[in-house]
Amino acid sequence: MEHATDSIEIEVTYALPHRQFLERFFVPIGTTIEQAIVLSGVTTLFSEIDLTTQKFGIFNKIAKPGTLLQNGDRVEIYRPLLLDPKEKRRKRVAEKSKKSG
Protein backbone atom coordinates (compact mmCIF):
# COMPACT_ATOMS: atom_id res chain seq x y z
CA MET A 1 0.00 0.00 0.00
CA GLU A 2 1.47 3.36 -1.01
CA HIS A 3 1.37 6.35 1.27
CA ALA A 4 2.55 9.91 1.01
CA THR A 5 6.22 10.51 1.65
CA ASP A 6 5.27 12.54 4.72
CA SER A 7 4.15 9.45 6.65
CA ILE A 8 5.86 6.43 8.23
CA GLU A 9 4.64 2.94 9.08
CA ILE A 10 4.87 1.90 12.74
CA GLU A 11 3.45 -0.70 15.14
CA VAL A 12 2.07 -0.31 18.65
CA THR A 13 2.00 -3.41 20.83
CA TYR A 14 0.81 -4.29 24.34
CA ALA A 15 0.74 -7.79 25.77
CA LEU A 16 -1.04 -9.37 28.70
CA PRO A 17 -0.66 -13.05 29.59
CA HIS A 18 -3.81 -14.05 27.69
CA ARG A 19 -4.52 -11.11 25.42
CA GLN A 20 -2.36 -9.13 23.02
CA PHE A 21 -2.72 -5.93 21.03
CA LEU A 22 -0.78 -5.23 17.84
CA GLU A 23 -1.70 -2.43 15.48
CA ARG A 24 0.31 -1.52 12.39
CA PHE A 25 -0.54 1.81 10.79
CA PHE A 26 0.80 4.96 9.17
CA VAL A 27 1.46 8.17 11.08
CA PRO A 28 2.80 11.56 10.01
CA ILE A 29 6.55 12.11 10.24
CA GLY A 30 7.20 13.79 13.58
CA THR A 31 4.77 11.60 15.55
CA THR A 32 5.90 10.80 19.11
CA ILE A 33 5.54 7.55 21.03
CA GLU A 34 2.76 9.02 23.16
CA GLN A 35 0.84 10.29 20.12
CA ALA A 36 1.15 6.92 18.38
CA ILE A 37 -0.19 5.11 21.44
CA VAL A 38 -3.24 7.37 21.53
CA LEU A 39 -3.78 7.05 17.77
CA SER A 40 -3.59 3.25 17.97
CA GLY A 41 -6.65 3.05 20.23
CA VAL A 42 -4.92 0.74 22.72
CA THR A 43 -5.80 2.99 25.66
CA THR A 44 -9.49 2.59 24.83
CA LEU A 45 -9.23 -1.21 24.91
CA PHE A 46 -6.97 -1.43 27.96
CA SER A 47 -8.04 1.13 30.55
CA GLU A 48 -5.19 0.14 32.88
CA ILE A 49 -2.66 1.86 30.59
CA ASP A 50 -1.67 5.13 32.25
CA LEU A 51 0.33 7.34 29.90
CA THR A 52 1.68 9.36 32.84
CA THR A 53 3.29 6.39 34.62
CA GLN A 54 3.64 3.62 32.03
CA LYS A 55 7.05 2.71 30.61
CA PHE A 56 7.43 2.57 26.83
CA GLY A 57 10.07 1.39 24.45
CA ILE A 58 11.04 0.89 20.86
CA PHE A 59 12.25 -2.62 20.03
CA ASN A 60 12.87 -3.51 23.70
CA LYS A 61 14.77 -0.30 24.56
CA ILE A 62 13.18 2.12 27.02
CA ALA A 63 12.24 5.43 25.40
CA LYS A 64 10.53 8.60 26.57
CA PRO A 65 6.95 9.39 25.52
CA GLY A 66 8.19 12.37 23.50
CA THR A 67 10.59 10.30 21.39
CA LEU A 68 10.04 10.84 17.67
CA LEU A 69 9.25 7.68 15.73
CA GLN A 70 11.00 6.44 12.62
CA ASN A 71 9.71 4.28 9.82
CA GLY A 72 9.37 0.65 10.94
CA ASP A 73 9.50 1.35 14.69
CA ARG A 74 7.60 -0.95 17.04
CA VAL A 75 6.30 0.92 20.08
CA GLU A 76 6.02 -1.38 23.09
CA ILE A 77 3.98 -0.57 26.17
CA TYR A 78 5.46 -2.30 29.19
CA ARG A 79 3.44 -3.65 32.11
CA PRO A 80 4.73 -3.03 35.62
CA LEU A 81 6.66 -5.92 37.16
CA LEU A 82 4.63 -7.86 39.68
CA LEU A 83 7.74 -9.01 41.52
CA ASP A 84 11.29 -7.71 41.39
CA PRO A 85 13.48 -10.29 39.57
CA LYS A 86 16.04 -10.34 42.42
CA GLU A 87 13.32 -10.96 44.99
CA LYS A 88 11.85 -13.72 42.82
CA ARG A 89 15.27 -15.46 42.70
CA ARG A 90 15.67 -15.17 46.47
CA LYS A 91 12.27 -16.79 47.01
CA ARG A 92 13.13 -19.61 44.61
CA VAL A 93 16.43 -20.30 46.38
CA ALA A 94 14.72 -20.22 49.79
CA GLU A 95 12.08 -22.71 48.59
CA LYS A 96 14.77 -25.05 47.22
CA SER A 97 16.65 -24.84 50.52
CA LYS A 98 13.52 -25.80 52.47
CA LYS A 99 12.86 -28.79 50.22
CA SER A 100 16.42 -30.12 50.36
CA GLY A 101 17.10 -29.24 54.00
PDB file of N, CA and C in Angstrom:
ATOM      1  N   MET A   1       0.841  -1.171   0.000  1.00  0.00           N
ATOM      2  CA  MET A   1       0.000   0.000   0.000  1.00  0.00           C
ATOM      3  C   MET A   1       0.890   1.239   0.000  1.00  0.00           C
ATOM      4  N   GLU A   2       0.664   2.155  -0.915  1.00  0.00           N
ATOM      5  CA  GLU A   2       1.470   3.360  -1.011  1.00  0.00           C
ATOM      6  C   GLU A   2       0.883   4.466  -0.165  1.00  0.00           C
ATOM      7  N   HIS A   3       1.781   5.216   0.459  1.00  0.00           N
ATOM      8  CA  HIS A   3       1.369   6.353   1.268  1.00  0.00           C
ATOM      9  C   HIS A   3       2.251   7.532   0.919  1.00  0.00           C
ATOM     10  N   ALA A   4       1.790   8.701   1.273  1.00  0.00           N
ATOM     11  CA  ALA A   4       2.546   9.912   1.006  1.00  0.00           C
ATOM     12  C   ALA A   4       3.918   9.825   1.668  1.00  0.00           C
ATOM     13  N   THR A   5       4.865  10.543   1.097  1.00  0.00           N
ATOM     14  CA  THR A   5       6.219  10.514   1.646  1.00  0.00           C
ATOM     15  C   THR A   5       6.323  11.248   2.977  1.00  0.00           C
ATOM     16  N   ASP A   6       5.241  11.847   3.427  1.00  0.00           N
ATOM     17  CA  ASP A   6       5.268  12.538   4.717  1.00  0.00           C
ATOM     18  C   ASP A   6       4.709  11.671   5.839  1.00  0.00           C
ATOM     19  N   SER A   7       4.628  10.348   5.605  1.00  0.00           N
ATOM     20  CA  SER A   7       4.152   9.446   6.655  1.00  0.00           C
ATOM     21  C   SER A   7       5.102   8.253   6.784  1.00  0.00           C
ATOM     22  N   ILE A   8       5.036   7.610   7.947  1.00  0.00           N
ATOM     23  CA  ILE A   8       5.860   6.434   8.227  1.00  0.00           C
ATOM     24  C   ILE A   8       4.961   5.320   8.754  1.00  0.00           C
ATOM     25  N   GLU A   9       5.394   4.082   8.567  1.00  0.00           N
ATOM     26  CA  GLU A   9       4.636   2.943   9.079  1.00  0.00           C
ATOM     27  C   GLU A   9       5.259   2.495  10.402  1.00  0.00           C
ATOM     28  N   ILE A  10       4.406   2.317  11.418  1.00  0.00           N
ATOM     29  CA  ILE A  10       4.865   1.899  12.745  1.00  0.00           C
ATOM     30  C   ILE A  10       3.918   0.838  13.296  1.00  0.00           C
ATOM     31  N   GLU A  11       4.315   0.235  14.414  1.00  0.00           N
ATOM     32  CA  GLU A  11       3.455  -0.702  15.141  1.00  0.00           C
ATOM     33  C   GLU A  11       3.370  -0.254  16.586  1.00  0.00           C
ATOM     34  N   VAL A  12       2.229  -0.500  17.206  1.00  0.00           N
ATOM     35  CA  VAL A  12       2.066  -0.313  18.647  1.00  0.00           C
ATOM     36  C   VAL A  12       1.639  -1.660  19.201  1.00  0.00           C
ATOM     37  N   THR A  13       2.308  -2.105  20.263  1.00  0.00           N
ATOM     38  CA  THR A  13       2.002  -3.407  20.833  1.00  0.00           C
ATOM     39  C   THR A  13       1.906  -3.337  22.355  1.00  0.00           C
ATOM     40  N   TYR A  14       1.008  -4.169  22.890  1.00  0.00           N
ATOM     41  CA  TYR A  14       0.811  -4.289  24.338  1.00  0.00           C
ATOM     42  C   TYR A  14       0.395  -5.725  24.586  1.00  0.00           C
ATOM     43  N   ALA A  15       1.030  -6.373  25.552  1.00  0.00           N
ATOM     44  CA  ALA A  15       0.742  -7.794  25.774  1.00  0.00           C
ATOM     45  C   ALA A  15       0.415  -8.082  27.228  1.00  0.00           C
ATOM     46  N   LEU A  16      -0.664  -8.804  27.409  1.00  0.00           N
ATOM     47  CA  LEU A  16      -1.044  -9.366  28.701  1.00  0.00           C
ATOM     48  C   LEU A  16      -0.845 -10.873  28.589  1.00  0.00           C
ATOM     49  N   PRO A  17      -0.876 -11.606  29.683  1.00  0.00           N
ATOM     50  CA  PRO A  17      -0.656 -13.051  29.586  1.00  0.00           C
ATOM     51  C   PRO A  17      -1.598 -13.768  28.614  1.00  0.00           C
ATOM     52  N   HIS A  18      -2.848 -13.332  28.531  1.00  0.00           N
ATOM     53  CA  HIS A  18      -3.809 -14.052  27.690  1.00  0.00           C
ATOM     54  C   HIS A  18      -4.462 -13.183  26.625  1.00  0.00           C
ATOM     55  N   ARG A  19      -3.932 -11.995  26.418  1.00  0.00           N
ATOM     56  CA  ARG A  19      -4.518 -11.106  25.415  1.00  0.00           C
ATOM     57  C   ARG A  19      -3.435 -10.154  24.914  1.00  0.00           C
ATOM     58  N   GLN A  20      -3.365  -9.996  23.600  1.00  0.00           N
ATOM     59  CA  GLN A  20      -2.356  -9.130  23.015  1.00  0.00           C
ATOM     60  C   GLN A  20      -3.007  -8.098  22.103  1.00  0.00           C
ATOM     61  N   PHE A  21      -2.301  -6.989  21.940  1.00  0.00           N
ATOM     62  CA  PHE A  21      -2.723  -5.930  21.028  1.00  0.00           C
ATOM     63  C   PHE A  21      -1.547  -5.634  20.113  1.00  0.00           C
ATOM     64  N   LEU A  22      -1.792  -5.606  18.818  1.00  0.00           N
ATOM     65  CA  LEU A  22      -0.777  -5.225  17.840  1.00  0.00           C
ATOM     66  C   LEU A  22      -1.482  -4.488  16.721  1.00  0.00           C
ATOM     67  N   GLU A  23      -1.092  -3.254  16.527  1.00  0.00           N
ATOM     68  CA  GLU A  23      -1.702  -2.431  15.483  1.00  0.00           C
ATOM     69  C   GLU A  23      -0.586  -1.844  14.631  1.00  0.00           C
ATOM     70  N   ARG A  24      -0.650  -2.090  13.333  1.00  0.00           N
ATOM     71  CA  ARG A  24       0.309  -1.519  12.386  1.00  0.00           C
ATOM     72  C   ARG A  24      -0.436  -0.467  11.577  1.00  0.00           C
ATOM     73  N   PHE A  25       0.136   0.730  11.509  1.00  0.00           N
ATOM     74  CA  PHE A  25      -0.543   1.808  10.793  1.00  0.00           C
ATOM     75  C   PHE A  25       0.452   2.905  10.418  1.00  0.00           C
ATOM     76  N   PHE A  26      -0.018   3.845   9.620  1.00  0.00           N
ATOM     77  CA  PHE A  26       0.802   4.962   9.169  1.00  0.00           C
ATOM     78  C   PHE A  26       0.517   6.190  10.018  1.00  0.00           C
ATOM     79  N   VAL A  27       1.578   6.925  10.329  1.00  0.00           N
ATOM     80  CA  VAL A  27       1.456   8.170  11.085  1.00  0.00           C
ATOM     81  C   VAL A  27       2.293   9.233  10.376  1.00  0.00           C
ATOM     82  N   PRO A  28       1.983  10.495  10.619  1.00  0.00           N
ATOM     83  CA  PRO A  28       2.799  11.555  10.015  1.00  0.00           C
ATOM     84  C   PRO A  28       4.225  11.547  10.571  1.00  0.00           C
ATOM     85  N   ILE A  29       5.184  11.927   9.751  1.00  0.00           N
ATOM     86  CA  ILE A  29       6.548  12.110  10.236  1.00  0.00           C
ATOM     87  C   ILE A  29       6.492  13.134  11.362  1.00  0.00           C
ATOM     88  N   GLY A  30       7.217  12.883  12.433  1.00  0.00           N
ATOM     89  CA  GLY A  30       7.203  13.786  13.584  1.00  0.00           C
ATOM     90  C   GLY A  30       6.286  13.321  14.701  1.00  0.00           C
ATOM     91  N   THR A  31       5.646  12.164  14.516  1.00  0.00           N
ATOM     92  CA  THR A  31       4.774  11.603  15.555  1.00  0.00           C
ATOM     93  C   THR A  31       5.627  11.050  16.692  1.00  0.00           C
ATOM     94  N   THR A  32       5.184  11.290  17.929  1.00  0.00           N
ATOM     95  CA  THR A  32       5.899  10.797  19.107  1.00  0.00           C
ATOM     96  C   THR A  32       5.318   9.457  19.559  1.00  0.00           C
ATOM     97  N   ILE A  33       6.029   8.808  20.459  1.00  0.00           N
ATOM     98  CA  ILE A  33       5.538   7.552  21.029  1.00  0.00           C
ATOM     99  C   ILE A  33       4.164   7.755  21.646  1.00  0.00           C
ATOM    100  N   GLU A  34       4.030   8.781  22.471  1.00  0.00           N
ATOM    101  CA  GLU A  34       2.759   9.022  23.157  1.00  0.00           C
ATOM    102  C   GLU A  34       1.618   9.261  22.165  1.00  0.00           C
ATOM    103  N   GLN A  35       1.873  10.037  21.131  1.00  0.00           N
ATOM    104  CA  GLN A  35       0.843  10.290  20.120  1.00  0.00           C
ATOM    105  C   GLN A  35       0.451   9.004  19.402  1.00  0.00           C
ATOM    106  N   ALA A  36       1.429   8.174  19.079  1.00  0.00           N
ATOM    107  CA  ALA A  36       1.147   6.916  18.383  1.00  0.00           C
ATOM    108  C   ALA A  36       0.295   5.989  19.242  1.00  0.00           C
ATOM    109  N   ILE A  37       0.586   5.954  20.539  1.00  0.00           N
ATOM    110  CA  ILE A  37      -0.193   5.106  21.443  1.00  0.00           C
ATOM    111  C   ILE A  37      -1.648   5.547  21.449  1.00  0.00           C
ATOM    112  N   VAL A  38      -1.867   6.846  21.542  1.00  0.00           N
ATOM    113  CA  VAL A  38      -3.239   7.366  21.534  1.00  0.00           C
ATOM    114  C   VAL A  38      -3.914   7.062  20.196  1.00  0.00           C
ATOM    115  N   LEU A  39      -3.208   7.301  19.097  1.00  0.00           N
ATOM    116  CA  LEU A  39      -3.777   7.051  17.766  1.00  0.00           C
ATOM    117  C   LEU A  39      -4.116   5.575  17.545  1.00  0.00           C
ATOM    118  N   SER A  40      -3.366   4.683  18.166  1.00  0.00           N
ATOM    119  CA  SER A  40      -3.588   3.245  17.966  1.00  0.00           C
ATOM    120  C   SER A  40      -4.906   2.757  18.558  1.00  0.00           C
ATOM    121  N   GLY A  41      -5.421   3.470  19.568  1.00  0.00           N
ATOM    122  CA  GLY A  41      -6.653   3.045  20.225  1.00  0.00           C
ATOM    123  C   GLY A  41      -6.443   2.067  21.364  1.00  0.00           C
ATOM    124  N   VAL A  42      -5.203   1.721  21.670  1.00  0.00           N
ATOM    125  CA  VAL A  42      -4.923   0.736  22.718  1.00  0.00           C
ATOM    126  C   VAL A  42      -5.414   1.203  24.084  1.00  0.00           C
ATOM    127  N   THR A  43      -5.367   2.499  24.349  1.00  0.00           N
ATOM    128  CA  THR A  43      -5.802   2.992  25.664  1.00  0.00           C
ATOM    129  C   THR A  43      -7.311   2.885  25.845  1.00  0.00           C
ATOM    130  N   THR A  44      -8.040   2.798  24.756  1.00  0.00           N
ATOM    131  CA  THR A  44      -9.487   2.590  24.833  1.00  0.00           C
ATOM    132  C   THR A  44      -9.796   1.140  25.196  1.00  0.00           C
ATOM    133  N   LEU A  45      -9.016   0.218  24.655  1.00  0.00           N
ATOM    134  CA  LEU A  45      -9.231  -1.212  24.906  1.00  0.00           C
ATOM    135  C   LEU A  45      -8.681  -1.676  26.248  1.00  0.00           C
ATOM    136  N   PHE A  46      -7.627  -1.033  26.711  1.00  0.00           N
ATOM    137  CA  PHE A  46      -6.970  -1.426  27.957  1.00  0.00           C
ATOM    138  C   PHE A  46      -6.912  -0.209  28.878  1.00  0.00           C
ATOM    139  N   SER A  47      -7.923  -0.061  29.701  1.00  0.00           N
ATOM    140  CA  SER A  47      -8.041   1.129  30.545  1.00  0.00           C
ATOM    141  C   SER A  47      -6.946   1.216  31.607  1.00  0.00           C
ATOM    142  N   GLU A  48      -6.247   0.120  31.870  1.00  0.00           N
ATOM    143  CA  GLU A  48      -5.186   0.144  32.877  1.00  0.00           C
ATOM    144  C   GLU A  48      -3.931   0.871  32.402  1.00  0.00           C
ATOM    145  N   ILE A  49      -3.834   1.151  31.108  1.00  0.00           N
ATOM    146  CA  ILE A  49      -2.665   1.859  30.591  1.00  0.00           C
ATOM    147  C   ILE A  49      -2.754   3.322  31.018  1.00  0.00           C
ATOM    148  N   ASP A  50      -1.741   3.759  31.756  1.00  0.00           N
ATOM    149  CA  ASP A  50      -1.674   5.132  32.245  1.00  0.00           C
ATOM    150  C   ASP A  50      -0.478   5.809  31.580  1.00  0.00           C
ATOM    151  N   LEU A  51      -0.747   6.708  30.664  1.00  0.00           N
ATOM    152  CA  LEU A  51       0.328   7.342  29.904  1.00  0.00           C
ATOM    153  C   LEU A  51       1.256   8.194  30.768  1.00  0.00           C
ATOM    154  N   THR A  52       0.831   8.548  31.969  1.00  0.00           N
ATOM    155  CA  THR A  52       1.683   9.364  32.838  1.00  0.00           C
ATOM    156  C   THR A  52       2.677   8.525  33.642  1.00  0.00           C
ATOM    157  N   THR A  53       2.399   7.228  33.808  1.00  0.00           N
ATOM    158  CA  THR A  53       3.290   6.392  34.621  1.00  0.00           C
ATOM    159  C   THR A  53       3.857   5.183  33.875  1.00  0.00           C
ATOM    160  N   GLN A  54       3.242   4.819  32.770  1.00  0.00           N
ATOM    161  CA  GLN A  54       3.643   3.621  32.026  1.00  0.00           C
ATOM    162  C   GLN A  54       5.030   3.788  31.421  1.00  0.00           C
ATOM    163  N   LYS A  55       5.759   2.696  31.311  1.00  0.00           N
ATOM    164  CA  LYS A  55       7.045   2.705  30.609  1.00  0.00           C
ATOM    165  C   LYS A  55       6.802   2.253  29.170  1.00  0.00           C
ATOM    166  N   PHE A  56       7.562   2.859  28.253  1.00  0.00           N
ATOM    167  CA  PHE A  56       7.435   2.573  26.829  1.00  0.00           C
ATOM    168  C   PHE A  56       8.808   2.252  26.266  1.00  0.00           C
ATOM    169  N   GLY A  57       8.811   1.639  25.108  1.00  0.00           N
ATOM    170  CA  GLY A  57      10.072   1.389  24.449  1.00  0.00           C
ATOM    171  C   GLY A  57       9.889   1.208  22.963  1.00  0.00           C
ATOM    172  N   ILE A  58      11.013   1.184  22.286  1.00  0.00           N
ATOM    173  CA  ILE A  58      11.045   0.887  20.856  1.00  0.00           C
ATOM    174  C   ILE A  58      11.987  -0.295  20.707  1.00  0.00           C
ATOM    175  N   PHE A  59      11.464  -1.396  20.204  1.00  0.00           N
ATOM    176  CA  PHE A  59      12.254  -2.623  20.035  1.00  0.00           C
ATOM    177  C   PHE A  59      13.034  -2.975  21.306  1.00  0.00           C
ATOM    178  N   ASN A  60      12.325  -3.038  22.426  1.00  0.00           N
ATOM    179  CA  ASN A  60      12.873  -3.506  23.701  1.00  0.00           C
ATOM    180  C   ASN A  60      13.899  -2.568  24.338  1.00  0.00           C
ATOM    181  N   LYS A  61      13.902  -1.301  23.938  1.00  0.00           N
ATOM    182  CA  LYS A  61      14.770  -0.301  24.564  1.00  0.00           C
ATOM    183  C   LYS A  61      13.882   0.806  25.089  1.00  0.00           C
ATOM    184  N   ILE A  62      13.998   1.088  26.391  1.00  0.00           N
ATOM    185  CA  ILE A  62      13.180   2.121  27.022  1.00  0.00           C
ATOM    186  C   ILE A  62      13.349   3.441  26.276  1.00  0.00           C
ATOM    187  N   ALA A  63      12.239   4.131  26.074  1.00  0.00           N
ATOM    188  CA  ALA A  63      12.244   5.434  25.405  1.00  0.00           C
ATOM    189  C   ALA A  63      11.228   6.343  26.089  1.00  0.00           C
ATOM    190  N   LYS A  64      11.430   7.625  25.953  1.00  0.00           N
ATOM    191  CA  LYS A  64      10.527   8.600  26.568  1.00  0.00           C
ATOM    192  C   LYS A  64       9.306   8.809  25.684  1.00  0.00           C
ATOM    193  N   PRO A  65       8.177   9.196  26.292  1.00  0.00           N
ATOM    194  CA  PRO A  65       6.946   9.393  25.519  1.00  0.00           C
ATOM    195  C   PRO A  65       7.090  10.400  24.381  1.00  0.00           C
ATOM    196  N   GLY A  66       8.003  11.353  24.523  1.00  0.00           N
ATOM    197  CA  GLY A  66       8.186  12.375  23.496  1.00  0.00           C
ATOM    198  C   GLY A  66       9.149  11.992  22.391  1.00  0.00           C
ATOM    199  N   THR A  67       9.651  10.764  22.419  1.00  0.00           N
ATOM    200  CA  THR A  67      10.587  10.298  21.391  1.00  0.00           C
ATOM    201  C   THR A  67       9.912  10.274  20.029  1.00  0.00           C
ATOM    202  N   LEU A  68      10.580  10.846  19.028  1.00  0.00           N
ATOM    203  CA  LEU A  68      10.042  10.839  17.666  1.00  0.00           C
ATOM    204  C   LEU A  68      10.236   9.461  17.043  1.00  0.00           C
ATOM    205  N   LEU A  69       9.210   9.010  16.351  1.00  0.00           N
ATOM    206  CA  LEU A  69       9.249   7.684  15.730  1.00  0.00           C
ATOM    207  C   LEU A  69       9.874   7.737  14.349  1.00  0.00           C
ATOM    208  N   GLN A  70      10.437   6.597  13.955  1.00  0.00           N
ATOM    209  CA  GLN A  70      11.002   6.442  12.623  1.00  0.00           C
ATOM    210  C   GLN A  70      10.266   5.316  11.913  1.00  0.00           C
ATOM    211  N   ASN A  71      10.376   5.301  10.610  1.00  0.00           N
ATOM    212  CA  ASN A  71       9.708   4.279   9.820  1.00  0.00           C
ATOM    213  C   ASN A  71      10.112   2.885  10.304  1.00  0.00           C
ATOM    214  N   GLY A  72       9.121   2.030  10.528  1.00  0.00           N
ATOM    215  CA  GLY A  72       9.370   0.654  10.940  1.00  0.00           C
ATOM    216  C   GLY A  72       9.473   0.439  12.439  1.00  0.00           C
ATOM    217  N   ASP A  73       9.401   1.504  13.236  1.00  0.00           N
ATOM    218  CA  ASP A  73       9.504   1.345  14.693  1.00  0.00           C
ATOM    219  C   ASP A  73       8.341   0.533  15.249  1.00  0.00           C
ATOM    220  N   ARG A  74       8.637  -0.242  16.295  1.00  0.00           N
ATOM    221  CA  ARG A  74       7.600  -0.954  17.039  1.00  0.00           C
ATOM    222  C   ARG A  74       7.564  -0.360  18.444  1.00  0.00           C
ATOM    223  N   VAL A  75       6.478   0.321  18.756  1.00  0.00           N
ATOM    224  CA  VAL A  75       6.296   0.917  20.077  1.00  0.00           C
ATOM    225  C   VAL A  75       5.755  -0.160  20.999  1.00  0.00           C
ATOM    226  N   GLU A  76       6.433  -0.363  22.116  1.00  0.00           N
ATOM    227  CA  GLU A  76       6.020  -1.375  23.089  1.00  0.00           C
ATOM    228  C   GLU A  76       5.604  -0.683  24.376  1.00  0.00           C
ATOM    229  N   ILE A  77       4.471  -1.091  24.903  1.00  0.00           N
ATOM    230  CA  ILE A  77       3.975  -0.568  26.174  1.00  0.00           C
ATOM    231  C   ILE A  77       4.245  -1.651  27.204  1.00  0.00           C
ATOM    232  N   TYR A  78       5.045  -1.310  28.211  1.00  0.00           N
ATOM    233  CA  TYR A  78       5.462  -2.304  29.194  1.00  0.00           C
ATOM    234  C   TYR A  78       4.552  -2.298  30.411  1.00  0.00           C
ATOM    235  N   ARG A  79       4.221  -3.502  30.876  1.00  0.00           N
ATOM    236  CA  ARG A  79       3.437  -3.648  32.108  1.00  0.00           C
ATOM    237  C   ARG A  79       4.377  -3.540  33.296  1.00  0.00           C
ATOM    238  N   PRO A  80       3.877  -3.070  34.430  1.00  0.00           N
ATOM    239  CA  PRO A  80       4.731  -3.031  35.623  1.00  0.00           C
ATOM    240  C   PRO A  80       5.070  -4.448  36.082  1.00  0.00           C
ATOM    241  N   LEU A  81       6.264  -4.613  36.629  1.00  0.00           N
ATOM    242  CA  LEU A  81       6.662  -5.916  37.163  1.00  0.00           C
ATOM    243  C   LEU A  81       5.847  -6.226  38.404  1.00  0.00           C
ATOM    244  N   LEU A  82       5.375  -7.449  38.502  1.00  0.00           N
ATOM    245  CA  LEU A  82       4.629  -7.860  39.683  1.00  0.00           C
ATOM    246  C   LEU A  82       5.559  -8.182  40.837  1.00  0.00           C
ATOM    247  N   LEU A  83       6.755  -8.650  40.497  1.00  0.00           N
ATOM    248  CA  LEU A  83       7.736  -9.014  41.515  1.00  0.00           C
ATOM    249  C   LEU A  83       9.120  -8.696  40.971  1.00  0.00           C
ATOM    250  N   ASP A  84       9.925  -8.039  41.771  1.00  0.00           N
ATOM    251  CA  ASP A  84      11.287  -7.708  41.395  1.00  0.00           C
ATOM    252  C   ASP A  84      12.049  -9.004  41.071  1.00  0.00           C
ATOM    253  N   PRO A  85      12.769  -9.062  39.952  1.00  0.00           N
ATOM    254  CA  PRO A  85      13.479 -10.294  39.575  1.00  0.00           C
ATOM    255  C   PRO A  85      14.441 -10.804  40.649  1.00  0.00           C
ATOM    256  N   LYS A  86      15.119  -9.899  41.358  1.00  0.00           N
ATOM    257  CA  LYS A  86      16.037 -10.337  42.420  1.00  0.00           C
ATOM    258  C   LYS A  86      15.265 -10.990  43.562  1.00  0.00           C
ATOM    259  N   GLU A  87      14.144 -10.399  43.916  1.00  0.00           N
ATOM    260  CA  GLU A  87      13.318 -10.958  44.990  1.00  0.00           C
ATOM    261  C   GLU A  87      12.764 -12.322  44.577  1.00  0.00           C
ATOM    262  N   LYS A  88      12.377 -12.446  43.322  1.00  0.00           N
ATOM    263  CA  LYS A  88      11.852 -13.717  42.817  1.00  0.00           C
ATOM    264  C   LYS A  88      12.916 -14.815  42.933  1.00  0.00           C
ATOM    265  N   ARG A  89      14.171 -14.488  42.587  1.00  0.00           N
ATOM    266  CA  ARG A  89      15.265 -15.455  42.698  1.00  0.00           C
ATOM    267  C   ARG A  89      15.496 -15.859  44.149  1.00  0.00           C
ATOM    268  N   ARG A  90      15.471 -14.870  45.039  1.00  0.00           N
ATOM    269  CA  ARG A  90      15.666 -15.166  46.468  1.00  0.00           C
ATOM    270  C   ARG A  90      14.608 -16.137  46.973  1.00  0.00           C
ATOM    271  N   LYS A  91      13.362 -15.907  46.576  1.00  0.00           N
ATOM    272  CA  LYS A  91      12.268 -16.793  47.006  1.00  0.00           C
ATOM    273  C   LYS A  91      12.470 -18.201  46.464  1.00  0.00           C
ATOM    274  N   ARG A  92      12.901 -18.300  45.215  1.00  0.00           N
ATOM    275  CA  ARG A  92      13.128 -19.609  44.609  1.00  0.00           C
ATOM    276  C   ARG A  92      14.233 -20.366  45.340  1.00  0.00           C
ATOM    277  N   VAL A  93      15.316 -19.673  45.664  1.00  0.00           N
ATOM    278  CA  VAL A  93      16.430 -20.297  46.383  1.00  0.00           C
ATOM    279  C   VAL A  93      15.975 -20.730  47.769  1.00  0.00           C
ATOM    280  N   ALA A  94      15.213 -19.887  48.447  1.00  0.00           N
ATOM    281  CA  ALA A  94      14.718 -20.220  49.786  1.00  0.00           C
ATOM    282  C   ALA A  94      13.819 -21.449  49.741  1.00  0.00           C
ATOM    283  N   GLU A  95      12.961 -21.545  48.727  1.00  0.00           N
ATOM    284  CA  GLU A  95      12.076 -22.710  48.589  1.00  0.00           C
ATOM    285  C   GLU A  95      12.883 -23.979  48.328  1.00  0.00           C
ATOM    286  N   LYS A  96      13.916 -23.887  47.494  1.00  0.00           N
ATOM    287  CA  LYS A  96      14.765 -25.053  47.224  1.00  0.00           C
ATOM    288  C   LYS A  96      15.487 -25.498  48.488  1.00  0.00           C
ATOM    289  N   SER A  97      15.945 -24.524  49.268  1.00  0.00           N
ATOM    290  CA  SER A  97      16.649 -24.844  50.520  1.00  0.00           C
ATOM    291  C   SER A  97      15.736 -25.570  51.489  1.00  0.00           C
ATOM    292  N   LYS A  98      14.488 -25.147  51.581  1.00  0.00           N
ATOM    293  CA  LYS A  98      13.521 -25.796  52.475  1.00  0.00           C
ATOM    294  C   LYS A  98      13.267 -27.235  52.044  1.00  0.00           C
ATOM    295  N   LYS A  99      13.147 -27.450  50.733  1.00  0.00           N
ATOM    296  CA  LYS A  99      12.861 -28.794  50.221  1.00  0.00           C
ATOM    297  C   LYS A  99      14.039 -29.739  50.420  1.00  0.00           C
ATOM    298  N   SER A 100      15.257 -29.237  50.246  1.00  0.00           N
ATOM    299  CA  SER A 100      16.424 -30.116  50.357  1.00  0.00           C
ATOM    300  C   SER A 100      16.973 -30.188  51.783  1.00  0.00           C
ATOM    301  N   GLY A 101      16.543 -29.284  52.647  1.00  0.00           N
ATOM    302  CA  GLY A 101      17.096 -29.243  54.004  1.00  0.00           C
ATOM    303  C   GLY A 101      16.197 -29.814  54.994  1.00  0.00           C
TER     304      GLY A 101
END
